[in-house]
Every structure is written in C-alpha cells, then in structure tokens.
C-alpha cells in the first residue's frame, strides 16, 4: 500500500469505513507490534483528526506509554488512575464526554476535552494495554468510535 491515505466520506462512520481497509493493508504481513501500533496511530490521527491517540501497554503493573500521535503525554499510569487506569481496572470501554467531570482525570494536556479508552486483549483474553483517544472537543466519542476502534484493534496481535 502507498503511504498516502485516501479518506472519503463526510460522516464519522464513512471515514472509519474508508480507513479500515487501508489500516488492514498497512498491518497485513507486518509482525512487528510497535510498527503496527505506530501506523494505526498515524492513520487515525490523520484520518479522523484526533487531538491525541496512543497506546499504553501493561508493564510491571502499570500502563506505560507506547506509540502515539499528538502532544507529549503522561509516561506511566497506575491501575485505577485516570480514564486509562480505570478502563484497565474495570475491564471496560470508557467514553468520557467531559474529562474535567471524570473523578481523578489525569490532565496530560489541558486542551483535551473528551476521551475514549478501549482495553486491549491478548489471545488469552488478558488485558495487555489500552488504546486512548482524546479530542479537543466535548462529547466527541460514541458507539461508532467504540465499534470501529475495536475492529481496528482486532487487526493486530498483542
């Protein structure tokens, strides 16, 4: 696949549908997890104009920053802390319409206004990390994001 992404559609769902096969093409045949995570971040940041997108991986009982696109981010997050640590602890997708209203939110950037965090599972169904996506707009994320971001996570092996 060429490195240029072609994004079509005007709705969020149309953009995801346009991006999904292109991301699949990027990761097919590539066994390196870091390379795949990096390309997924770049494709989604560019394709959907997210403020910040990145992976946190479970290491030594903490979430540790992995590949991302956007401003500098928090490096380590404890279990149960902030949106990411809570999604990890509770084993659930969290959609936060206003991060300032989330108890214990970790403000890596004051420009972040809403967030979605999805747990990432390995083949044994253990949580091995989270995908964190931030917007500089309130109430940006919904079930469409949850659906398509989970489909994108299914494209790579953790």
C-alpha atoms as a PDB file:
ATOM      1  CA  UNK A   1       0.000   0.000   0.000  1.00  0.00           C
ATOM      2  CA  UNK A   2       1.157   3.508  -0.659  1.00  0.00           C
ATOM      3  CA  UNK A   3       1.882   5.558   2.426  1.00  0.00           C
ATOM      4  CA  UNK A   4      -0.786   8.107   1.494  1.00  0.00           C
ATOM      5  CA  UNK A   5      -4.230   7.518   2.964  1.00  0.00           C
ATOM      6  CA  UNK A   6      -7.304   8.343   0.956  1.00  0.00           C
ATOM      7  CA  UNK A   7     -10.126   9.381   3.265  1.00  0.00           C
ATOM      8  CA  UNK A   8     -13.617   9.550   1.856  1.00  0.00           C
ATOM      9  CA  UNK A   9     -16.959  10.340   3.387  1.00  0.00           C
ATOM     10  CA  UNK A  10     -18.425  13.129   5.387  1.00  0.00           C
ATOM     11  CA  UNK A  11     -19.706  11.269   8.443  1.00  0.00           C
ATOM     12  CA  UNK A  12     -17.545   9.706  11.100  1.00  0.00           C
ATOM     13  CA  UNK A  13     -18.772   6.232  10.136  1.00  0.00           C
ATOM     14  CA  UNK A  14     -17.960   6.799   6.462  1.00  0.00           C
ATOM     15  CA  UNK A  15     -14.439   7.912   7.408  1.00  0.00           C
ATOM     16  CA  UNK A  16     -13.909   4.825   9.570  1.00  0.00           C
ATOM     17  CA  UNK A  17     -15.204   2.605   6.760  1.00  0.00           C
ATOM     18  CA  UNK A  18     -12.786   4.289   4.387  1.00  0.00           C
ATOM     19  CA  UNK A  19      -9.858   3.919   6.791  1.00  0.00           C
ATOM     20  CA  UNK A  20     -10.473   0.339   7.943  1.00  0.00           C
ATOM     21  CA  UNK A  21      -9.294  -1.469   4.779  1.00  0.00           C
ATOM     22  CA  UNK A  22      -6.347   0.903   4.458  1.00  0.00           C
ATOM     23  CA  UNK A  23      -5.237   0.191   8.036  1.00  0.00           C
ATOM     24  CA  UNK A  24      -5.727  -3.519   7.400  1.00  0.00           C
ATOM     25  CA  UNK A  25      -3.451  -3.225   4.384  1.00  0.00           C
ATOM     26  CA  UNK A  26      -0.840  -1.386   6.462  1.00  0.00           C
ATOM     27  CA  UNK A  27      -0.652  -4.088   9.134  1.00  0.00           C
ATOM     28  CA  UNK A  28      -1.134  -7.213   6.981  1.00  0.00           C
ATOM     29  CA  UNK A  29       2.111  -9.107   6.777  1.00  0.00           C
ATOM     30  CA  UNK A  30       3.848  -6.916   9.363  1.00  0.00           C
ATOM     31  CA  UNK A  31       4.674  -8.855  12.510  1.00  0.00           C
ATOM     32  CA  UNK A  32       6.235  -6.004  14.493  1.00  0.00           C
ATOM     33  CA  UNK A  33       3.727  -4.802  17.078  1.00  0.00           C
ATOM     34  CA  UNK A  34       5.349  -1.393  17.582  1.00  0.00           C
ATOM     35  CA  UNK A  35       5.350  -0.676  13.848  1.00  0.00           C
ATOM     36  CA  UNK A  36       1.688  -1.640  13.602  1.00  0.00           C
ATOM     37  CA  UNK A  37       0.676   0.457  16.613  1.00  0.00           C
ATOM     38  CA  UNK A  38       2.595   3.439  15.232  1.00  0.00           C
ATOM     39  CA  UNK A  39       0.938   3.203  11.821  1.00  0.00           C
ATOM     40  CA  UNK A  40      -2.505   2.796  13.371  1.00  0.00           C
ATOM     41  CA  UNK A  41      -1.962   5.952  15.431  1.00  0.00           C
ATOM     42  CA  UNK A  42      -0.783   7.918  12.417  1.00  0.00           C
ATOM     43  CA  UNK A  43      -3.632   6.705  10.211  1.00  0.00           C
ATOM     44  CA  UNK A  44      -6.295   7.525  12.792  1.00  0.00           C
ATOM     45  CA  UNK A  45      -4.787  10.884  13.762  1.00  0.00           C
ATOM     46  CA  UNK A  46      -4.645  11.921  10.118  1.00  0.00           C
ATOM     47  CA  UNK A  47      -7.883  10.281   9.017  1.00  0.00           C
ATOM     48  CA  UNK A  48     -10.136  11.425  11.851  1.00  0.00           C
ATOM     49  CA  UNK A  49      -8.236  14.479  13.067  1.00  0.00           C
ATOM     50  CA  UNK A  50      -7.989  13.263  16.660  1.00  0.00           C
ATOM     51  CA  UNK A  51      -6.227  15.581  19.102  1.00  0.00           C
ATOM     52  CA  UNK A  52      -4.234  12.696  20.598  1.00  0.00           C
ATOM     53  CA  UNK A  53      -4.170   8.956  20.054  1.00  0.00           C
ATOM     54  CA  UNK A  54      -1.893   6.380  21.562  1.00  0.00           C
ATOM     55  CA  UNK A  55      -1.290   3.037  23.129  1.00  0.00           C
ATOM     56  CA  UNK A  56      -0.450   2.319  26.752  1.00  0.00           C
ATOM     57  CA  UNK A  57       0.894  -1.157  27.461  1.00  0.00           C
ATOM     58  CA  UNK A  58       0.811  -3.047  30.760  1.00  0.00           C
ATOM     59  CA  UNK A  59       4.363  -3.369  32.105  1.00  0.00           C
ATOM     60  CA  UNK A  60       5.327  -4.125  35.699  1.00  0.00           C
ATOM     61  CA  UNK A  61       1.824  -3.411  36.982  1.00  0.00           C
ATOM     62  CA  UNK A  62       1.463  -0.036  35.257  1.00  0.00           C
ATOM     63  CA  UNK A  63       0.345   1.334  31.923  1.00  0.00           C
ATOM     64  CA  UNK A  64       3.428   2.560  30.075  1.00  0.00           C
ATOM     65  CA  UNK A  65       3.258   4.899  27.099  1.00  0.00           C
ATOM     66  CA  UNK A  66       3.708   3.257  23.718  1.00  0.00           C
ATOM     67  CA  UNK A  67       3.403   4.599  20.178  1.00  0.00           C
ATOM     68  CA  UNK A  68       1.256   7.724  19.885  1.00  0.00           C
ATOM     69  CA  UNK A  69       0.486  10.796  17.800  1.00  0.00           C
ATOM     70  CA  UNK A  70      -0.091  14.220  19.338  1.00  0.00           C
ATOM     71  CA  UNK A  71       1.365  16.350  22.121  1.00  0.00           C
ATOM     72  CA  UNK A  72       3.711  14.943  24.756  1.00  0.00           C
ATOM     73  CA  UNK A  73       1.866  12.510  27.037  1.00  0.00           C
ATOM     74  CA  UNK A  74       1.940  11.004  30.506  1.00  0.00           C
ATOM     75  CA  UNK A  75       4.508   8.203  30.584  1.00  0.00           C
ATOM     76  CA  UNK A  76       3.080   5.935  33.304  1.00  0.00           C
ATOM     77  CA  UNK A  77      -0.434   5.445  34.647  1.00  0.00           C
ATOM     78  CA  UNK A  78      -1.324   3.345  37.690  1.00  0.00           C
ATOM     79  CA  UNK A  79      -4.142   0.812  37.792  1.00  0.00           C
ATOM     80  CA  UNK A  80      -7.395   2.599  38.542  1.00  0.00           C
ATOM     81  CA  UNK A  81      -5.986   6.104  37.944  1.00  0.00           C
ATOM     82  CA  UNK A  82      -7.451   8.457  35.361  1.00  0.00           C
ATOM     83  CA  UNK A  83      -9.592   7.289  32.455  1.00  0.00           C
ATOM     84  CA  UNK A  84      -6.969   4.838  31.156  1.00  0.00           C
ATOM     85  CA  UNK A  85      -6.247   3.224  34.504  1.00  0.00           C
ATOM     86  CA  UNK A  86      -9.974   2.974  35.266  1.00  0.00           C
ATOM     87  CA  UNK A  87     -10.763   1.340  31.908  1.00  0.00           C
ATOM     88  CA  UNK A  88      -7.957  -1.149  32.622  1.00  0.00           C
ATOM     89  CA  UNK A  89      -9.088  -1.852  36.185  1.00  0.00           C
ATOM     90  CA  UNK A  90     -12.770  -2.198  35.277  1.00  0.00           C
ATOM     91  CA  UNK A  91     -12.107  -4.068  32.027  1.00  0.00           C
ATOM     92  CA  UNK A  92     -14.448  -1.806  30.064  1.00  0.00           C
ATOM     93  CA  UNK A  93     -14.541   0.754  27.302  1.00  0.00           C
ATOM     94  CA  UNK A  94     -14.921   4.224  28.772  1.00  0.00           C
ATOM     95  CA  UNK A  95     -16.387   7.126  26.837  1.00  0.00           C
ATOM     96  CA  UNK A  96     -15.999  10.426  28.671  1.00  0.00           C
ATOM     97  CA  UNK A  97     -17.883  13.419  27.275  1.00  0.00           C
ATOM     98  CA  UNK A  98     -16.108  15.952  29.531  1.00  0.00           C
ATOM     99  CA  UNK A  99     -12.811  14.871  31.055  1.00  0.00           C
ATOM    100  CA  UNK A 100     -12.979  17.629  33.672  1.00  0.00           C
ATOM    101  CA  UNK A 101     -16.033  15.865  35.128  1.00  0.00           C
ATOM    102  CA  UNK A 102     -14.264  12.494  35.404  1.00  0.00           C
ATOM    103  CA  UNK A 103     -13.097  11.886  39.001  1.00  0.00           C
ATOM    104  CA  UNK A 104      -9.325  11.602  39.093  1.00  0.00           C
ATOM    105  CA  UNK A 105      -8.787  12.556  35.453  1.00  0.00           C
ATOM    106  CA  UNK A 106      -5.090  12.875  34.634  1.00  0.00           C
ATOM    107  CA  UNK A 107      -4.639  16.036  32.592  1.00  0.00           C
ATOM    108  CA  UNK A 108      -1.707  15.278  30.313  1.00  0.00           C
ATOM    109  CA  UNK A 109      -2.939  18.232  28.239  1.00  0.00           C
ATOM    110  CA  UNK A 110      -5.347  20.958  29.291  1.00  0.00           C
ATOM    111  CA  UNK A 111      -6.594  21.028  25.685  1.00  0.00           C
ATOM    112  CA  UNK A 112      -8.126  17.547  25.961  1.00  0.00           C
ATOM    113  CA  UNK A 113     -11.910  17.779  26.438  1.00  0.00           C
ATOM    114  CA  UNK A 114     -13.307  14.288  25.770  1.00  0.00           C
ATOM    115  CA  UNK A 115     -11.857  10.797  25.618  1.00  0.00           C
ATOM    116  CA  UNK A 116     -12.456   7.171  24.720  1.00  0.00           C
ATOM    117  CA  UNK A 117     -10.330   4.359  26.153  1.00  0.00           C
ATOM    118  CA  UNK A 118     -10.547   0.744  24.962  1.00  0.00           C
ATOM    119  CA  UNK A 119      -8.910  -2.216  26.703  1.00  0.00           C
ATOM    120  CA  UNK A 120      -6.601  -4.303  24.516  1.00  0.00           C
ATOM    121  CA  UNK A 121      -6.553  -8.083  24.909  1.00  0.00           C
ATOM    122  CA  UNK A 122      -4.072 -10.781  24.001  1.00  0.00           C
ATOM    123  CA  UNK A 123      -5.052 -14.209  22.651  1.00  0.00           C
ATOM    124  CA  UNK A 124      -5.675 -15.416  26.236  1.00  0.00           C
ATOM    125  CA  UNK A 125      -8.215 -12.583  26.724  1.00  0.00           C
ATOM    126  CA  UNK A 126      -5.927 -10.838  29.240  1.00  0.00           C
ATOM    127  CA  UNK A 127      -5.707  -7.050  29.182  1.00  0.00           C
ATOM    128  CA  UNK A 128      -2.291  -6.079  27.850  1.00  0.00           C
ATOM    129  CA  UNK A 129      -2.906  -2.368  27.371  1.00  0.00           C
ATOM    130  CA  UNK A 130      -5.352   0.300  26.311  1.00  0.00           C
ATOM    131  CA  UNK A 131      -5.953   2.457  23.277  1.00  0.00           C
ATOM    132  CA  UNK A 132      -6.509   6.049  24.378  1.00  0.00           C
ATOM    133  CA  UNK A 133      -8.043   8.667  22.084  1.00  0.00           C
ATOM    134  CA  UNK A 134      -8.540  12.301  23.088  1.00  0.00           C
ATOM    135  CA  UNK A 135     -10.396  15.146  21.417  1.00  0.00           C
ATOM    136  CA  UNK A 136     -10.146  18.875  21.959  1.00  0.00           C
ATOM    137  CA  UNK A 137     -13.949  18.959  21.543  1.00  0.00           C
ATOM    138  CA  UNK A 138     -16.505  17.942  24.161  1.00  0.00           C
ATOM    139  CA  UNK A 139     -18.682  14.845  23.563  1.00  0.00           C
ATOM    140  CA  UNK A 140     -16.683  13.724  20.534  1.00  0.00           C
ATOM    141  CA  UNK A 141     -16.878   9.945  21.042  1.00  0.00           C
ATOM    142  CA  UNK A 142     -19.768   7.497  20.827  1.00  0.00           C
ATOM    143  CA  UNK A 143     -20.717   3.912  19.969  1.00  0.00           C
ATOM    144  CA  UNK A 144     -19.463   4.402  16.391  1.00  0.00           C
ATOM    145  CA  UNK A 145     -15.947   5.049  17.680  1.00  0.00           C
ATOM    146  CA  UNK A 146     -16.203   2.085  20.036  1.00  0.00           C
ATOM    147  CA  UNK A 147     -17.290  -0.222  17.215  1.00  0.00           C
ATOM    148  CA  UNK A 148     -14.654   0.781  14.675  1.00  0.00           C
ATOM    149  CA  UNK A 149     -11.757   1.234  17.086  1.00  0.00           C
ATOM    150  CA  UNK A 150     -12.388  -2.294  18.395  1.00  0.00           C
ATOM    151  CA  UNK A 151     -12.379  -3.571  14.809  1.00  0.00           C
ATOM    152  CA  UNK A 152      -9.050  -1.838  14.226  1.00  0.00           C
ATOM    153  CA  UNK A 153      -7.587  -3.355  17.400  1.00  0.00           C
ATOM    154  CA  UNK A 154      -8.669  -6.785  16.135  1.00  0.00           C
ATOM    155  CA  UNK A 155      -6.399  -6.325  13.105  1.00  0.00           C
ATOM    156  CA  UNK A 156      -3.212  -6.755  15.132  1.00  0.00           C
ATOM    157  CA  UNK A 157      -1.991  -9.411  17.559  1.00  0.00           C
ATOM    158  CA  UNK A 158      -0.934  -8.435  21.038  1.00  0.00           C
END
